[in-house]
PDB file of N, CA and C in Angstrom:
ATOM      1  N   MET A   1      78.838 -10.106-138.073  1.00  0.00           N
ATOM      2  CA  MET A   1      79.129 -11.385-138.665  1.00  0.00           C
ATOM      3  C   MET A   1      78.509 -12.480-137.794  1.00  0.00           C
ATOM      4  N   THR A   2      77.863 -13.424-138.425  1.00  0.00           N
ATOM      5  CA  THR A   2      77.304 -14.568-137.720  1.00  0.00           C
ATOM      6  C   THR A   2      78.256 -15.751-137.876  1.00  0.00           C
ATOM      7  N   PHE A   3      78.535 -16.416-136.777  1.00  0.00           N
ATOM      8  CA  PHE A   3      79.437 -17.558-136.776  1.00  0.00           C
ATOM      9  C   PHE A   3      78.647 -18.855-136.923  1.00  0.00           C
ATOM     10  N   THR A   4      79.242 -19.809-137.622  1.00  0.00           N
ATOM     11  CA  THR A   4      78.687 -21.151-137.730  1.00  0.00           C
ATOM     12  C   THR A   4      79.128 -21.940-136.506  1.00  0.00           C
ATOM     13  N   ILE A   5      78.201 -22.691-135.907  1.00  0.00           N
ATOM     14  CA  ILE A   5      78.502 -23.486-134.718  1.00  0.00           C
ATOM     15  C   ILE A   5      78.613 -24.952-135.119  1.00  0.00           C
ATOM     16  N   VAL A   6      79.723 -25.583-134.737  1.00  0.00           N
ATOM     17  CA  VAL A   6      79.955 -26.993-135.018  1.00  0.00           C
ATOM     18  C   VAL A   6      80.239 -27.700-133.701  1.00  0.00           C
ATOM     19  N   LEU A   7      79.455 -28.723-133.398  1.00  0.00           N
ATOM     20  CA  LEU A   7      79.749 -29.564-132.242  1.00  0.00           C
ATOM     21  C   LEU A   7      80.643 -30.702-132.710  1.00  0.00           C
ATOM     22  N   THR A   8      81.780 -30.869-132.056  1.00  0.00           N
ATOM     23  CA  THR A   8      82.641 -32.004-132.376  1.00  0.00           C
ATOM     24  C   THR A   8      81.911 -33.282-131.970  1.00  0.00           C
ATOM     25  N   PRO A   9      82.325 -34.430-132.492  1.00  0.00           N
ATOM     26  CA  PRO A   9      81.691 -35.683-132.068  1.00  0.00           C
ATOM     27  C   PRO A   9      81.732 -35.882-130.547  1.00  0.00           C
ATOM     28  N   ASP A  10      82.843 -35.503-129.915  1.00  0.00           N
ATOM     29  CA  ASP A  10      82.922 -35.620-128.454  1.00  0.00           C
ATOM     30  C   ASP A  10      81.889 -34.735-127.778  1.00  0.00           C
ATOM     31  N   ALA A  11      81.721 -33.512-128.267  1.00  0.00           N
ATOM     32  CA  ALA A  11      80.742 -32.596-127.677  1.00  0.00           C
ATOM     33  C   ALA A  11      79.322 -33.107-127.891  1.00  0.00           C
ATOM     34  N   GLU A  12      79.040 -33.670-129.061  1.00  0.00           N
ATOM     35  CA  GLU A  12      77.714 -34.249-129.304  1.00  0.00           C
ATOM     36  C   GLU A  12      77.440 -35.377-128.319  1.00  0.00           C
ATOM     37  N   ASN A  13      78.441 -36.225-128.102  1.00  0.00           N
ATOM     38  CA  ASN A  13      78.292 -37.314-127.140  1.00  0.00           C
ATOM     39  C   ASN A  13      78.103 -36.768-125.732  1.00  0.00           C
ATOM     40  N   ASP A  14      78.882 -35.759-125.369  1.00  0.00           N
ATOM     41  CA  ASP A  14      78.746 -35.131-124.046  1.00  0.00           C
ATOM     42  C   ASP A  14      77.339 -34.588-123.839  1.00  0.00           C
ATOM     43  N   LEU A  15      76.791 -33.946-124.868  1.00  0.00           N
ATOM     44  CA  LEU A  15      75.442 -33.390-124.766  1.00  0.00           C
ATOM     45  C   LEU A  15      74.413 -34.498-124.584  1.00  0.00           C
ATOM     46  N   ALA A  16      74.562 -35.591-125.308  1.00  0.00           N
ATOM     47  CA  ALA A  16      73.641 -36.718-125.157  1.00  0.00           C
ATOM     48  C   ALA A  16      73.715 -37.298-123.748  1.00  0.00           C
ATOM     49  N   VAL A  17      74.918 -37.448-123.230  1.00  0.00           N
ATOM     50  CA  VAL A  17      75.098 -37.967-121.866  1.00  0.00           C
ATOM     51  C   VAL A  17      74.471 -37.019-120.851  1.00  0.00           C
ATOM     52  N   ALA A  18      74.678 -35.720-121.026  1.00  0.00           N
ATOM     53  CA  ALA A  18      74.098 -34.725-120.114  1.00  0.00           C
ATOM     54  C   ALA A  18      72.581 -34.768-120.168  1.00  0.00           C
ATOM     55  N   TRP A  19      72.020 -34.870-121.367  1.00  0.00           N
ATOM     56  CA  TRP A  19      70.565 -34.896-121.522  1.00  0.00           C
ATOM     57  C   TRP A  19      69.975 -36.126-120.843  1.00  0.00           C
ATOM     58  N   ILE A  20      70.604 -37.288-121.048  1.00  0.00           N
ATOM     59  CA  ILE A  20      70.111 -38.532-120.439  1.00  0.00           C
ATOM     60  C   ILE A  20      70.218 -38.478-118.922  1.00  0.00           C
ATOM     61  N   ALA A  21      71.299 -37.902-118.404  1.00  0.00           N
ATOM     62  CA  ALA A  21      71.531 -37.862-116.958  1.00  0.00           C
ATOM     63  C   ALA A  21      70.705 -36.802-116.239  1.00  0.00           C
ATOM     64  N   SER A  22      70.190 -35.841-116.974  1.00  0.00           N
ATOM     65  CA  SER A  22      69.511 -34.707-116.344  1.00  0.00           C
ATOM     66  C   SER A  22      68.117 -35.073-115.850  1.00  0.00           C
ATOM     67  N   SER A  23      67.760 -34.504-114.707  1.00  0.00           N
ATOM     68  CA  SER A  23      66.387 -34.646-114.213  1.00  0.00           C
ATOM     69  C   SER A  23      65.479 -33.592-114.841  1.00  0.00           C
ATOM     70  N   ASP A  24      66.072 -32.637-115.571  1.00  0.00           N
ATOM     71  CA  ASP A  24      65.313 -31.578-116.243  1.00  0.00           C
ATOM     72  C   ASP A  24      65.784 -31.488-117.693  1.00  0.00           C
ATOM     73  N   ARG A  25      65.359 -32.452-118.490  1.00  0.00           N
ATOM     74  CA  ARG A  25      65.802 -32.521-119.880  1.00  0.00           C
ATOM     75  C   ARG A  25      65.397 -31.298-120.707  1.00  0.00           C
ATOM     76  N   PRO A  26      64.208 -30.725-120.492  1.00  0.00           N
ATOM     77  CA  PRO A  26      63.884 -29.505-121.245  1.00  0.00           C
ATOM     78  C   PRO A  26      64.877 -28.365-120.973  1.00  0.00           C
ATOM     79  N   ALA A  27      65.391 -28.279-119.753  1.00  0.00           N
ATOM     80  CA  ALA A  27      66.373 -27.233-119.429  1.00  0.00           C
ATOM     81  C   ALA A  27      67.670 -27.450-120.202  1.00  0.00           C
ATOM     82  N   VAL A  28      68.078 -28.695-120.367  1.00  0.00           N
ATOM     83  CA  VAL A  28      69.291 -29.002-121.132  1.00  0.00           C
ATOM     84  C   VAL A  28      69.083 -28.630-122.598  1.00  0.00           C
ATOM     85  N   THR A  29      67.923 -28.976-123.135  1.00  0.00           N
ATOM     86  CA  THR A  29      67.608 -28.635-124.521  1.00  0.00           C
ATOM     87  C   THR A  29      67.604 -27.125-124.726  1.00  0.00           C
ATOM     88  N   THR A  30      66.971 -26.401-123.807  1.00  0.00           N
ATOM     89  CA  THR A  30      66.919 -24.938-123.887  1.00  0.00           C
ATOM     90  C   THR A  30      68.318 -24.339-123.802  1.00  0.00           C
ATOM     91  N   ALA A  31      69.129 -24.846-122.888  1.00  0.00           N
ATOM     92  CA  ALA A  31      70.498 -24.336-122.731  1.00  0.00           C
ATOM     93  C   ALA A  31      71.317 -24.568-123.998  1.00  0.00           C
ATOM     94  N   ALA A  32      71.154 -25.721-124.618  1.00  0.00           N
ATOM     95  CA  ALA A  32      71.892 -26.011-125.852  1.00  0.00           C
ATOM     96  C   ALA A  32      71.516 -25.020-126.954  1.00  0.00           C
ATOM     97  N   HIS A  33      70.234 -24.702-127.057  1.00  0.00           N
ATOM     98  CA  HIS A  33      69.796 -23.716-128.055  1.00  0.00           C
ATOM     99  C   HIS A  33      70.325 -22.324-127.715  1.00  0.00           C
ATOM    100  N   GLN A  34      70.305 -21.978-126.433  1.00  0.00           N
ATOM    101  CA  GLN A  34      70.793 -20.658-126.021  1.00  0.00           C
ATOM    102  C   GLN A  34      72.283 -20.501-126.293  1.00  0.00           C
ATOM    103  N   LEU A  35      73.054 -21.546-126.010  1.00  0.00           N
ATOM    104  CA  LEU A  35      74.495 -21.434-126.250  1.00  0.00           C
ATOM    105  C   LEU A  35      74.783 -21.303-127.732  1.00  0.00           C
ATOM    106  N   GLU A  36      74.001 -21.976-128.574  1.00  0.00           N
ATOM    107  CA  GLU A  36      74.203 -21.853-130.014  1.00  0.00           C
ATOM    108  C   GLU A  36      73.968 -20.415-130.481  1.00  0.00           C
ATOM    109  N   HIS A  37      72.893 -19.801-130.008  1.00  0.00           N
ATOM    110  CA  HIS A  37      72.601 -18.412-130.383  1.00  0.00           C
ATOM    111  C   HIS A  37      73.657 -17.449-129.829  1.00  0.00           C
ATOM    112  N   LYS A  38      74.077 -17.688-128.593  1.00  0.00           N
ATOM    113  CA  LYS A  38      75.085 -16.832-127.956  1.00  0.00           C
ATOM    114  C   LYS A  38      76.406 -16.872-128.720  1.00  0.00           C
ATOM    115  N   LEU A  39      76.832 -18.069-129.088  1.00  0.00           N
ATOM    116  CA  LEU A  39      78.104 -18.216-129.788  1.00  0.00           C
ATOM    117  C   LEU A  39      78.027 -17.724-131.227  1.00  0.00           C
ATOM    118  N   ALA A  40      76.892 -17.894-131.862  1.00  0.00           N
ATOM    119  CA  ALA A  40      76.742 -17.432-133.246  1.00  0.00           C
ATOM    120  C   ALA A  40      76.848 -15.917-133.333  1.00  0.00           C
ATOM    121  N   ALA A  41      76.368 -15.223-132.309  1.00  0.00           N
ATOM    122  CA  ALA A  41      76.335 -13.761-132.334  1.00  0.00           C
ATOM    123  C   ALA A  41      77.704 -13.132-132.076  1.00  0.00           C
ATOM    124  N   ASN A  42      78.396 -13.598-131.031  1.00  0.00           N
ATOM    125  CA  ASN A  42      79.676 -12.966-130.674  1.00  0.00           C
ATOM    126  C   ASN A  42      80.482 -13.904-129.775  1.00  0.00           C
ATOM    127  N   PRO A  43      81.118 -14.909-130.333  1.00  0.00           N
ATOM    128  CA  PRO A  43      81.784 -15.919-129.508  1.00  0.00           C
ATOM    129  C   PRO A  43      82.965 -15.407-128.689  1.00  0.00           C
ATOM    130  N   LEU A  44      83.649 -14.383-129.159  1.00  0.00           N
ATOM    131  CA  LEU A  44      84.803 -13.881-128.409  1.00  0.00           C
ATOM    132  C   LEU A  44      84.392 -13.063-127.193  1.00  0.00           C
ATOM    133  N   ALA A  45      83.119 -12.715-127.105  1.00  0.00           N
ATOM    134  CA  ALA A  45      82.609 -12.020-125.923  1.00  0.00           C
ATOM    135  C   ALA A  45      81.994 -12.997-124.926  1.00  0.00           C
ATOM    136  N   ALA A  46      81.882 -14.256-125.316  1.00  0.00           N
ATOM    137  CA  ALA A  46      81.262 -15.269-124.459  1.00  0.00           C
ATOM    138  C   ALA A  46      82.305 -15.899-123.544  1.00  0.00           C
ATOM    139  N   GLY A  47      81.943 -16.077-122.297  1.00  0.00           N
ATOM    140  CA  GLY A  47      82.787 -16.792-121.355  1.00  0.00           C
ATOM    141  C   GLY A  47      84.124 -16.127-121.106  1.00  0.00           C
ATOM    142  N   GLU A  48      85.112 -16.975-120.857  1.00  0.00           N
ATOM    143  CA  GLU A  48      86.464 -16.472-120.585  1.00  0.00           C
ATOM    144  C   GLU A  48      87.476 -17.326-121.322  1.00  0.00           C
ATOM    145  N   SER A  49      88.618 -16.730-121.608  1.00  0.00           N
ATOM    146  CA  SER A  49      89.645 -17.437-122.365  1.00  0.00           C
ATOM    147  C   SER A  49      90.356 -18.460-121.486  1.00  0.00           C
ATOM    148  N   ARG A  50      90.918 -19.449-122.146  1.00  0.00           N
ATOM    149  CA  ARG A  50      91.714 -20.479-121.480  1.00  0.00           C
ATOM    150  C   ARG A  50      93.137 -20.431-122.010  1.00  0.00           C
ATOM    151  N   ALA A  51      93.519 -21.359-122.849  1.00  0.00           N
ATOM    152  CA  ALA A  51      94.893 -21.431-123.352  1.00  0.00           C
ATOM    153  C   ALA A  51      95.250 -20.238-124.234  1.00  0.00           C
ATOM    154  N   SER A  52      94.255 -19.679-124.909  1.00  0.00           N
ATOM    155  CA  SER A  52      94.463 -18.496-125.753  1.00  0.00           C
ATOM    156  C   SER A  52      93.143 -17.745-125.827  1.00  0.00           C
ATOM    157  N   SER A  53      93.144 -16.602-126.477  1.00  0.00           N
ATOM    158  CA  SER A  53      91.915 -15.812-126.547  1.00  0.00           C
ATOM    159  C   SER A  53      90.832 -16.497-127.357  1.00  0.00           C
ATOM    160  N   VAL A  54      91.205 -17.475-128.181  1.00  0.00           N
ATOM    161  CA  VAL A  54      90.210 -18.163-129.001  1.00  0.00           C
ATOM    162  C   VAL A  54      89.801 -19.518-128.431  1.00  0.00           C
ATOM    163  N   ASN A  55      90.425 -19.954-127.355  1.00  0.00           N
ATOM    164  CA  ASN A  55      90.049 -21.178-126.646  1.00  0.00           C
ATOM    165  C   ASN A  55      89.349 -20.738-125.374  1.00  0.00           C
ATOM    166  N   ARG A  56      88.035 -21.044-125.264  1.00  0.00           N
ATOM    167  CA  ARG A  56      87.232 -20.416-124.219  1.00  0.00           C
ATOM    168  C   ARG A  56      86.357 -21.432-123.493  1.00  0.00           C
ATOM    169  N   VAL A  57      85.843 -21.018-122.337  1.00  0.00           N
ATOM    170  CA  VAL A  57      84.894 -21.808-121.560  1.00  0.00           C
ATOM    171  C   VAL A  57      83.741 -20.891-121.166  1.00  0.00           C
ATOM    172  N   ASP A  58      82.533 -21.460-121.134  1.00  0.00           N
ATOM    173  CA  ASP A  58      81.362 -20.673-120.756  1.00  0.00           C
ATOM    174  C   ASP A  58      80.312 -21.608-120.176  1.00  0.00           C
ATOM    175  N   TYR A  59      79.264 -21.008-119.649  1.00  0.00           N
ATOM    176  CA  TYR A  59      78.183 -21.748-119.008  1.00  0.00           C
ATOM    177  C   TYR A  59      76.850 -21.151-119.417  1.00  0.00           C
ATOM    178  N   VAL A  60      75.925 -22.011-119.766  1.00  0.00           N
ATOM    179  CA  VAL A  60      74.516 -21.661-119.906  1.00  0.00           C
ATOM    180  C   VAL A  60      73.813 -22.747-119.107  1.00  0.00           C
ATOM    181  N   LEU A  61      73.457 -22.405-117.891  1.00  0.00           N
ATOM    182  CA  LEU A  61      72.940 -23.420-116.974  1.00  0.00           C
ATOM    183  C   LEU A  61      71.752 -24.159-117.568  1.00  0.00           C
ATOM    184  N   PRO A  62      71.783 -25.485-117.441  1.00  0.00           N
ATOM    185  CA  PRO A  62      72.648 -26.325-116.612  1.00  0.00           C
ATOM    186  C   PRO A  62      73.859 -26.916-117.341  1.00  0.00           C
ATOM    187  N   LEU A  63      74.330 -26.289-118.403  1.00  0.00           N
ATOM    188  CA  LEU A  63      75.462 -26.822-119.162  1.00  0.00           C
ATOM    189  C   LEU A  63      76.706 -25.946-119.032  1.00  0.00           C
ATOM    190  N   GLY A  64      77.847 -26.601-119.014  1.00  0.00           N
ATOM    191  CA  GLY A  64      79.126 -25.939-119.185  1.00  0.00           C
ATOM    192  C   GLY A  64      79.699 -26.435-120.503  1.00  0.00           C
ATOM    193  N   PHE A  65      80.541 -25.632-121.133  1.00  0.00           N
ATOM    194  CA  PHE A  65      81.085 -26.049-122.416  1.00  0.00           C
ATOM    195  C   PHE A  65      82.385 -25.314-122.723  1.00  0.00           C
ATOM    196  N   THR A  66      83.244 -25.988-123.484  1.00  0.00           N
ATOM    197  CA  THR A  66      84.456 -25.366-123.994  1.00  0.00           C
ATOM    198  C   THR A  66      84.315 -25.244-125.505  1.00  0.00           C
ATOM    199  N   PHE A  67      84.980 -24.223-126.043  1.00  0.00           N
ATOM    200  CA  PHE A  67      84.867 -24.007-127.480  1.00  0.00           C
ATOM    201  C   PHE A  67      86.084 -23.266-128.006  1.00  0.00           C
ATOM    202  N   ASP A  68      86.331 -23.460-129.287  1.00  0.00           N
ATOM    203  CA  ASP A  68      87.411 -22.785-129.998  1.00  0.00           C
ATOM    204  C   ASP A  68      86.797 -21.921-131.091  1.00  0.00           C
ATOM    205  N   VAL A  69      87.318 -20.715-131.241  1.00  0.00           N
ATOM    206  CA  VAL A  69      86.817 -19.774-132.240  1.00  0.00           C
ATOM    207  C   VAL A  69      87.848 -19.652-133.361  1.00  0.00           C
ATOM    208  N   VAL A  70      87.405 -19.876-134.582  1.00  0.00           N
ATOM    209  CA  VAL A  70      88.247 -19.674-135.762  1.00  0.00           C
ATOM    210  C   VAL A  70      87.671 -18.461-136.490  1.00  0.00           C
ATOM    211  N   VAL A  71      88.231 -17.302-136.190  1.00  0.00           N
ATOM    212  CA  VAL A  71      87.690 -16.040-136.695  1.00  0.00           C
ATOM    213  C   VAL A  71      87.741 -15.982-138.219  1.00  0.00           C
ATOM    214  N   ASP A  72      88.845 -16.408-138.815  1.00  0.00           N
ATOM    215  CA  ASP A  72      88.991 -16.333-140.278  1.00  0.00           C
ATOM    216  C   ASP A  72      87.915 -17.123-141.019  1.00  0.00           C
ATOM    217  N   ASP A  73      87.448 -18.211-140.413  1.00  0.00           N
ATOM    218  CA  ASP A  73      86.405 -19.040-141.026  1.00  0.00           C
ATOM    219  C   ASP A  73      85.020 -18.736-140.474  1.00  0.00           C
ATOM    220  N   ALA A  74      84.933 -17.837-139.502  1.00  0.00           N
ATOM    221  CA  ALA A  74      83.661 -17.516-138.832  1.00  0.00           C
ATOM    222  C   ALA A  74      82.983 -18.788-138.328  1.00  0.00           C
ATOM    223  N   THR A  75      83.795 -19.628-137.657  1.00  0.00           N
ATOM    224  CA  THR A  75      83.302 -20.907-137.155  1.00  0.00           C
ATOM    225  C   THR A  75      83.684 -21.067-135.691  1.00  0.00           C
ATOM    226  N   VAL A  76      82.757 -21.632-134.927  1.00  0.00           N
ATOM    227  CA  VAL A  76      82.999 -21.964-133.525  1.00  0.00           C
ATOM    228  C   VAL A  76      82.877 -23.473-133.390  1.00  0.00           C
ATOM    229  N   TYR A  77      83.895 -24.093-132.807  1.00  0.00           N
ATOM    230  CA  TYR A  77      83.883 -25.531-132.565  1.00  0.00           C
ATOM    231  C   TYR A  77      83.665 -25.768-131.075  1.00  0.00           C
ATOM    232  N   VAL A  78      82.508 -26.312-130.723  1.00  0.00           N
ATOM    233  CA  VAL A  78      82.246 -26.696-129.340  1.00  0.00           C
ATOM    234  C   VAL A  78      82.930 -28.041-129.145  1.00  0.00           C
ATOM    235  N   THR A  79      83.858 -28.098-128.181  1.00  0.00           N
ATOM    236  CA  THR A  79      84.709 -29.279-128.038  1.00  0.00           C
ATOM    237  C   THR A  79      84.328 -30.182-126.875  1.00  0.00           C
ATOM    238  N   ALA A  80      83.628 -29.645-125.883  1.00  0.00           N
ATOM    239  CA  ALA A  80      83.204 -30.445-124.730  1.00  0.00           C
ATOM    240  C   ALA A  80      82.001 -29.778-124.083  1.00  0.00           C
ATOM    241  N   MET A  81      81.145 -30.605-123.494  1.00  0.00           N
ATOM    242  CA  MET A  81      79.983 -30.105-122.755  1.00  0.00           C
ATOM    243  C   MET A  81      79.813 -30.974-121.518  1.00  0.00           C
ATOM    244  N   TRP A  82      79.263 -30.393-120.452  1.00  0.00           N
ATOM    245  CA  TRP A  82      79.015 -31.160-119.239  1.00  0.00           C
ATOM    246  C   TRP A  82      77.820 -30.581-118.510  1.00  0.00           C
ATOM    247  N   LEU A  83      77.214 -31.436-117.716  1.00  0.00           N
ATOM    248  CA  LEU A  83      76.045 -31.063-116.930  1.00  0.00           C
ATOM    249  C   LEU A  83      76.506 -30.496-115.598  1.00  0.00           C
ATOM    250  N   ILE A  84      75.981 -29.344-115.246  1.00  0.00           N
ATOM    251  CA  ILE A  84      76.255 -28.728-113.952  1.00  0.00           C
ATOM    252  C   ILE A  84      75.060 -29.031-113.070  1.00  0.00           C
ATOM    253  N   SER A  85      75.313 -29.737-111.973  1.00  0.00           N
ATOM    254  CA  SER A  85      74.174 -30.098-111.117  1.00  0.00           C
ATOM    255  C   SER A  85      74.185 -29.349-109.813  1.00  0.00           C
TER     256      SER A  85
END
């Protein structure tokens, strides 16, 4: 099953802030694409759980991100992103 990836407005803003702040903008762009593919394929195997098994955190350098998995809808909501320097 392939999951749909949705960035919340906060996560979209976080990504824009990370991209602007980064000294390596192509790396941020590449990481964003990689995380989308990673989460679409198998989000429950990505990263580690937080508050529950469906609330998770992961890293694709230079980005960190939190996300929620809604298995019944086959949707992943990326809720926050940050630049790891």
